[in-house]
Amino acid sequence: MSQTQFPDDLHPKLSEKQIARLSQAGVRRTLPAGEILFEHGAVGRHFYVILKGAIEAVLPCREGELRMRVDQLGDFTGELDMLSGRPSLVRARTVEPTDVLEIDPPRLREIIQNDPELGEFLLGAFIRRRVAVISSAMGDVVLIGSRYSADRLRLG
């Protein structure tokens, strides 16, 4: 299994204070090694904060799997596809016994809207990750514009 590298600013770590605020909105789960959190192509999945252990994101491919990233204490995963409403690009599973904070989509949206500091932090990471996915040709292109624009309709 090979691994792809992305810049560190795509994966900022949450502080203890930020995790404490997020804990009020989520459920703590203890998972065994090898537990799949979400599958490639999943829609409507949850947001996860790693409290202990590790989660790997892998991309299924002809050769088996391509390891994209391993998330550990203070890392978070799930917001990219959850906020965009697109199917997941990767499969995520625990590498070892792992504790996570699981937050469902409506609660995460509520946090982003009502907690300016956390909202800016999470959306900043989301935007940087989305740009990286598009620029690496792993994701699709998003056209922004009015649905009534002749130019936008011609392109997409």
C-alpha atoms as a PDB file:
ATOM      1  CA  MET A   1       0.000   0.000   0.000  1.00  0.00           C
ATOM      2  CA  SER A   2       1.508   3.344  -1.014  1.00  0.00           C
ATOM      3  CA  GLN A   3       0.725   6.689   0.613  1.00  0.00           C
ATOM      4  CA  THR A   4      -0.090  10.120  -0.787  1.00  0.00           C
ATOM      5  CA  GLN A   5       1.218  13.236   1.004  1.00  0.00           C
ATOM      6  CA  PHE A   6      -0.704  16.500   1.402  1.00  0.00           C
ATOM      7  CA  PRO A   7       0.575  19.726   2.999  1.00  0.00           C
ATOM      8  CA  ASP A   8       0.186  19.945   6.797  1.00  0.00           C
ATOM      9  CA  ASP A   9      -2.028  23.048   6.639  1.00  0.00           C
ATOM     10  CA  LEU A  10      -4.744  20.824   5.158  1.00  0.00           C
ATOM     11  CA  HIS A  11      -4.869  18.915   8.431  1.00  0.00           C
ATOM     12  CA  PRO A  12      -4.719  21.329  11.373  1.00  0.00           C
ATOM     13  CA  LYS A  13      -5.125  19.763  14.809  1.00  0.00           C
ATOM     14  CA  LEU A  14      -7.948  20.744  17.128  1.00  0.00           C
ATOM     15  CA  SER A  15      -6.908  22.147  20.504  1.00  0.00           C
ATOM     16  CA  GLU A  16      -8.110  20.610  23.779  1.00  0.00           C
ATOM     17  CA  LYS A  17     -10.410  23.606  24.203  1.00  0.00           C
ATOM     18  CA  GLN A  18     -11.934  23.113  20.722  1.00  0.00           C
ATOM     19  CA  ILE A  19     -12.404  19.385  21.357  1.00  0.00           C
ATOM     20  CA  ALA A  20     -14.143  20.172  24.663  1.00  0.00           C
ATOM     21  CA  ARG A  21     -16.608  22.466  22.849  1.00  0.00           C
ATOM     22  CA  LEU A  22     -17.231  19.867  20.137  1.00  0.00           C
ATOM     23  CA  SER A  23     -17.762  17.182  22.807  1.00  0.00           C
ATOM     24  CA  GLN A  24     -20.964  18.921  23.860  1.00  0.00           C
ATOM     25  CA  ALA A  25     -22.456  18.172  20.433  1.00  0.00           C
ATOM     26  CA  GLY A  26     -21.195  14.646  19.807  1.00  0.00           C
ATOM     27  CA  VAL A  27     -21.102  11.110  21.096  1.00  0.00           C
ATOM     28  CA  ARG A  28     -17.896   9.453  22.279  1.00  0.00           C
ATOM     29  CA  ARG A  29     -17.351   5.994  20.767  1.00  0.00           C
ATOM     30  CA  THR A  30     -14.672   3.377  21.436  1.00  0.00           C
ATOM     31  CA  LEU A  31     -13.899   1.324  18.335  1.00  0.00           C
ATOM     32  CA  PRO A  32     -11.788  -1.802  17.801  1.00  0.00           C
ATOM     33  CA  ALA A  33      -8.924  -1.949  15.291  1.00  0.00           C
ATOM     34  CA  GLY A  34     -10.178  -2.469  11.739  1.00  0.00           C
ATOM     35  CA  GLU A  35     -13.603  -0.862  12.299  1.00  0.00           C
ATOM     36  CA  ILE A  36     -14.840   0.859   9.136  1.00  0.00           C
ATOM     37  CA  LEU A  37     -16.249   4.314   9.877  1.00  0.00           C
ATOM     38  CA  PHE A  38     -17.446   4.977   6.350  1.00  0.00           C
ATOM     39  CA  GLU A  39     -17.060   3.420   2.923  1.00  0.00           C
ATOM     40  CA  HIS A  40     -15.910   4.906  -0.361  1.00  0.00           C
ATOM     41  CA  GLY A  41     -19.054   6.360  -1.968  1.00  0.00           C
ATOM     42  CA  ALA A  42     -20.962   6.808   1.320  1.00  0.00           C
ATOM     43  CA  VAL A  43     -23.296   9.796   1.565  1.00  0.00           C
ATOM     44  CA  GLY A  44     -24.678  11.468   4.694  1.00  0.00           C
ATOM     45  CA  ARG A  45     -21.944  10.253   6.984  1.00  0.00           C
ATOM     46  CA  HIS A  46     -20.664  11.670  10.262  1.00  0.00           C
ATOM     47  CA  PHE A  47     -17.814  13.938  11.330  1.00  0.00           C
ATOM     48  CA  TYR A  48     -15.146  12.350  13.559  1.00  0.00           C
ATOM     49  CA  VAL A  49     -12.594  13.807  15.952  1.00  0.00           C
ATOM     50  CA  ILE A  50      -9.830  11.393  16.990  1.00  0.00           C
ATOM     51  CA  LEU A  51      -9.469  11.344  20.783  1.00  0.00           C
ATOM     52  CA  LYS A  52      -7.142   8.332  21.007  1.00  0.00           C
ATOM     53  CA  GLY A  53      -5.753   5.886  18.457  1.00  0.00           C
ATOM     54  CA  ALA A  54      -5.680   6.374  14.691  1.00  0.00           C
ATOM     55  CA  ILE A  55      -7.887   6.318  11.601  1.00  0.00           C
ATOM     56  CA  GLU A  56      -6.569   5.726   8.092  1.00  0.00           C
ATOM     57  CA  ALA A  57      -8.186   7.035   4.941  1.00  0.00           C
ATOM     58  CA  VAL A  58      -7.668   4.716   1.975  1.00  0.00           C
ATOM     59  CA  LEU A  59      -8.697   4.945  -1.640  1.00  0.00           C
ATOM     60  CA  PRO A  60      -9.740   1.620  -3.175  1.00  0.00           C
ATOM     61  CA  CYS A  61      -7.873   1.034  -6.443  1.00  0.00           C
ATOM     62  CA  ARG A  62      -6.925  -1.788  -8.812  1.00  0.00           C
ATOM     63  CA  GLU A  63      -3.807  -2.623  -6.809  1.00  0.00           C
ATOM     64  CA  GLY A  64      -5.791  -2.841  -3.544  1.00  0.00           C
ATOM     65  CA  GLU A  65      -5.746   0.410  -1.573  1.00  0.00           C
ATOM     66  CA  LEU A  66      -3.851   3.662  -1.663  1.00  0.00           C
ATOM     67  CA  ARG A  67      -3.312   5.062   1.836  1.00  0.00           C
ATOM     68  CA  MET A  68      -4.144   8.752   1.718  1.00  0.00           C
ATOM     69  CA  ARG A  69      -3.634   9.742   5.347  1.00  0.00           C
ATOM     70  CA  VAL A  70      -3.486   8.520   8.937  1.00  0.00           C
ATOM     71  CA  ASP A  71      -5.298  10.768  11.420  1.00  0.00           C
ATOM     72  CA  GLN A  72      -4.382  10.766  15.112  1.00  0.00           C
ATOM     73  CA  LEU A  73      -5.135  12.659  18.344  1.00  0.00           C
ATOM     74  CA  GLY A  74      -6.675  16.053  17.575  1.00  0.00           C
ATOM     75  CA  ASP A  75      -7.237  15.329  13.888  1.00  0.00           C
ATOM     76  CA  PHE A  76     -10.713  15.301  12.345  1.00  0.00           C
ATOM     77  CA  THR A  77     -12.248  13.700   9.295  1.00  0.00           C
ATOM     78  CA  GLY A  78     -15.556  13.593   7.492  1.00  0.00           C
ATOM     79  CA  GLU A  79     -16.334  17.256   6.927  1.00  0.00           C
ATOM     80  CA  LEU A  80     -15.145  17.424   3.314  1.00  0.00           C
ATOM     81  CA  ASP A  81     -17.834  15.189   1.826  1.00  0.00           C
ATOM     82  CA  MET A  82     -20.384  15.801   4.560  1.00  0.00           C
ATOM     83  CA  LEU A  83     -20.497  19.570   3.994  1.00  0.00           C
ATOM     84  CA  SER A  84     -20.312  19.319   0.207  1.00  0.00           C
ATOM     85  CA  GLY A  85     -23.011  16.623   0.108  1.00  0.00           C
ATOM     86  CA  ARG A  86     -20.921  14.491  -2.236  1.00  0.00           C
ATOM     87  CA  PRO A  87     -20.151  10.788  -1.881  1.00  0.00           C
ATOM     88  CA  SER A  88     -17.025   9.988   0.105  1.00  0.00           C
ATOM     89  CA  LEU A  89     -13.837   9.753  -1.933  1.00  0.00           C
ATOM     90  CA  VAL A  90     -12.215   7.367   0.565  1.00  0.00           C
ATOM     91  CA  ARG A  91     -12.847   4.537   3.009  1.00  0.00           C
ATOM     92  CA  ALA A  92     -11.964   5.302   6.641  1.00  0.00           C
ATOM     93  CA  ARG A  93     -11.125   2.684   9.262  1.00  0.00           C
ATOM     94  CA  THR A  94      -9.400   2.442  12.594  1.00  0.00           C
ATOM     95  CA  VAL A  95      -5.757   1.344  12.583  1.00  0.00           C
ATOM     96  CA  GLU A  96      -5.764   0.382  16.283  1.00  0.00           C
ATOM     97  CA  PRO A  97      -8.305   0.573  19.125  1.00  0.00           C
ATOM     98  CA  THR A  98      -9.560   4.138  18.769  1.00  0.00           C
ATOM     99  CA  ASP A  99     -11.738   6.614  20.638  1.00  0.00           C
ATOM    100  CA  VAL A 100     -13.615   9.133  18.506  1.00  0.00           C
ATOM    101  CA  LEU A 101     -16.091  11.908  18.968  1.00  0.00           C
ATOM    102  CA  GLU A 102     -18.868  11.366  16.410  1.00  0.00           C
ATOM    103  CA  ILE A 103     -21.005  14.333  15.316  1.00  0.00           C
ATOM    104  CA  ASP A 104     -23.913  14.039  12.896  1.00  0.00           C
ATOM    105  CA  PRO A 105     -24.305  16.449   9.939  1.00  0.00           C
ATOM    106  CA  PRO A 106     -27.059  18.696  11.409  1.00  0.00           C
ATOM    107  CA  ARG A 107     -25.112  19.201  14.648  1.00  0.00           C
ATOM    108  CA  LEU A 108     -21.891  20.033  12.776  1.00  0.00           C
ATOM    109  CA  ARG A 109     -23.719  22.608  10.638  1.00  0.00           C
ATOM    110  CA  GLU A 110     -25.159  24.107  13.827  1.00  0.00           C
ATOM    111  CA  ILE A 111     -21.673  24.364  15.366  1.00  0.00           C
ATOM    112  CA  ILE A 112     -20.301  26.039  12.222  1.00  0.00           C
ATOM    113  CA  GLN A 113     -23.143  28.567  12.237  1.00  0.00           C
ATOM    114  CA  ASN A 114     -23.108  29.333  15.979  1.00  0.00           C
ATOM    115  CA  ASP A 115     -19.458  29.097  17.035  1.00  0.00           C
ATOM    116  CA  PRO A 116     -17.490  31.643  14.975  1.00  0.00           C
ATOM    117  CA  GLU A 117     -14.024  30.405  16.029  1.00  0.00           C
ATOM    118  CA  LEU A 118     -14.769  26.719  15.413  1.00  0.00           C
ATOM    119  CA  GLY A 119     -16.708  27.543  12.250  1.00  0.00           C
ATOM    120  CA  GLU A 120     -13.803  29.517  10.795  1.00  0.00           C
ATOM    121  CA  PHE A 121     -11.315  26.798  11.787  1.00  0.00           C
ATOM    122  CA  LEU A 122     -13.348  23.919  10.290  1.00  0.00           C
ATOM    123  CA  LEU A 123     -14.466  25.759   7.149  1.00  0.00           C
ATOM    124  CA  GLY A 124     -10.901  26.945   6.520  1.00  0.00           C
ATOM    125  CA  ALA A 125      -9.701  23.337   6.600  1.00  0.00           C
ATOM    126  CA  PHE A 126     -12.658  22.270   4.450  1.00  0.00           C
ATOM    127  CA  ILE A 127     -11.871  24.865   1.769  1.00  0.00           C
ATOM    128  CA  ARG A 128      -8.144  24.047   1.701  1.00  0.00           C
ATOM    129  CA  ARG A 129      -8.874  20.296   1.503  1.00  0.00           C
ATOM    130  CA  ARG A 130     -11.464  20.757  -1.245  1.00  0.00           C
ATOM    131  CA  VAL A 131      -9.045  22.853  -3.324  1.00  0.00           C
ATOM    132  CA  ALA A 132      -6.334  20.198  -2.832  1.00  0.00           C
ATOM    133  CA  VAL A 133      -8.683  17.412  -3.956  1.00  0.00           C
ATOM    134  CA  ILE A 134      -9.724  19.310  -7.078  1.00  0.00           C
ATOM    135  CA  SER A 135      -6.164  20.356  -7.959  1.00  0.00           C
ATOM    136  CA  SER A 136      -4.915  16.762  -7.573  1.00  0.00           C
ATOM    137  CA  ALA A 137      -7.628  15.588 -10.008  1.00  0.00           C
ATOM    138  CA  MET A 138      -9.068  13.271  -7.339  1.00  0.00           C
ATOM    139  CA  GLY A 139     -12.435  15.004  -7.153  1.00  0.00           C
ATOM    140  CA  ASP A 140     -14.827  16.687  -9.468  1.00  0.00           C
ATOM    141  CA  VAL A 141     -15.023  20.308 -10.507  1.00  0.00           C
ATOM    142  CA  VAL A 142     -17.641  22.572  -8.960  1.00  0.00           C
ATOM    143  CA  LEU A 143     -19.099  25.298 -11.164  1.00  0.00           C
ATOM    144  CA  ILE A 144     -20.211  28.369  -9.280  1.00  0.00           C
ATOM    145  CA  GLY A 145     -22.749  30.697 -10.817  1.00  0.00           C
ATOM    146  CA  SER A 146     -26.399  31.315 -11.394  1.00  0.00           C
ATOM    147  CA  ARG A 147     -28.400  28.442 -12.808  1.00  0.00           C
ATOM    148  CA  TYR A 148     -29.861  31.025 -15.201  1.00  0.00           C
ATOM    149  CA  SER A 149     -26.467  32.070 -16.626  1.00  0.00           C
ATOM    150  CA  ALA A 150     -26.072  30.993 -20.259  1.00  0.00           C
ATOM    151  CA  ASP A 151     -22.296  30.591 -19.800  1.00  0.00           C
ATOM    152  CA  ARG A 152     -22.673  28.382 -16.730  1.00  0.00           C
ATOM    153  CA  LEU A 153     -25.365  26.269 -18.386  1.00  0.00           C
ATOM    154  CA  ARG A 154     -23.159  25.767 -21.430  1.00  0.00           C
ATOM    155  CA  LEU A 155     -20.269  24.559 -19.216  1.00  0.00           C
ATOM    156  CA  GLY A 156     -22.082  22.383 -16.787  1.00  0.00           C
END
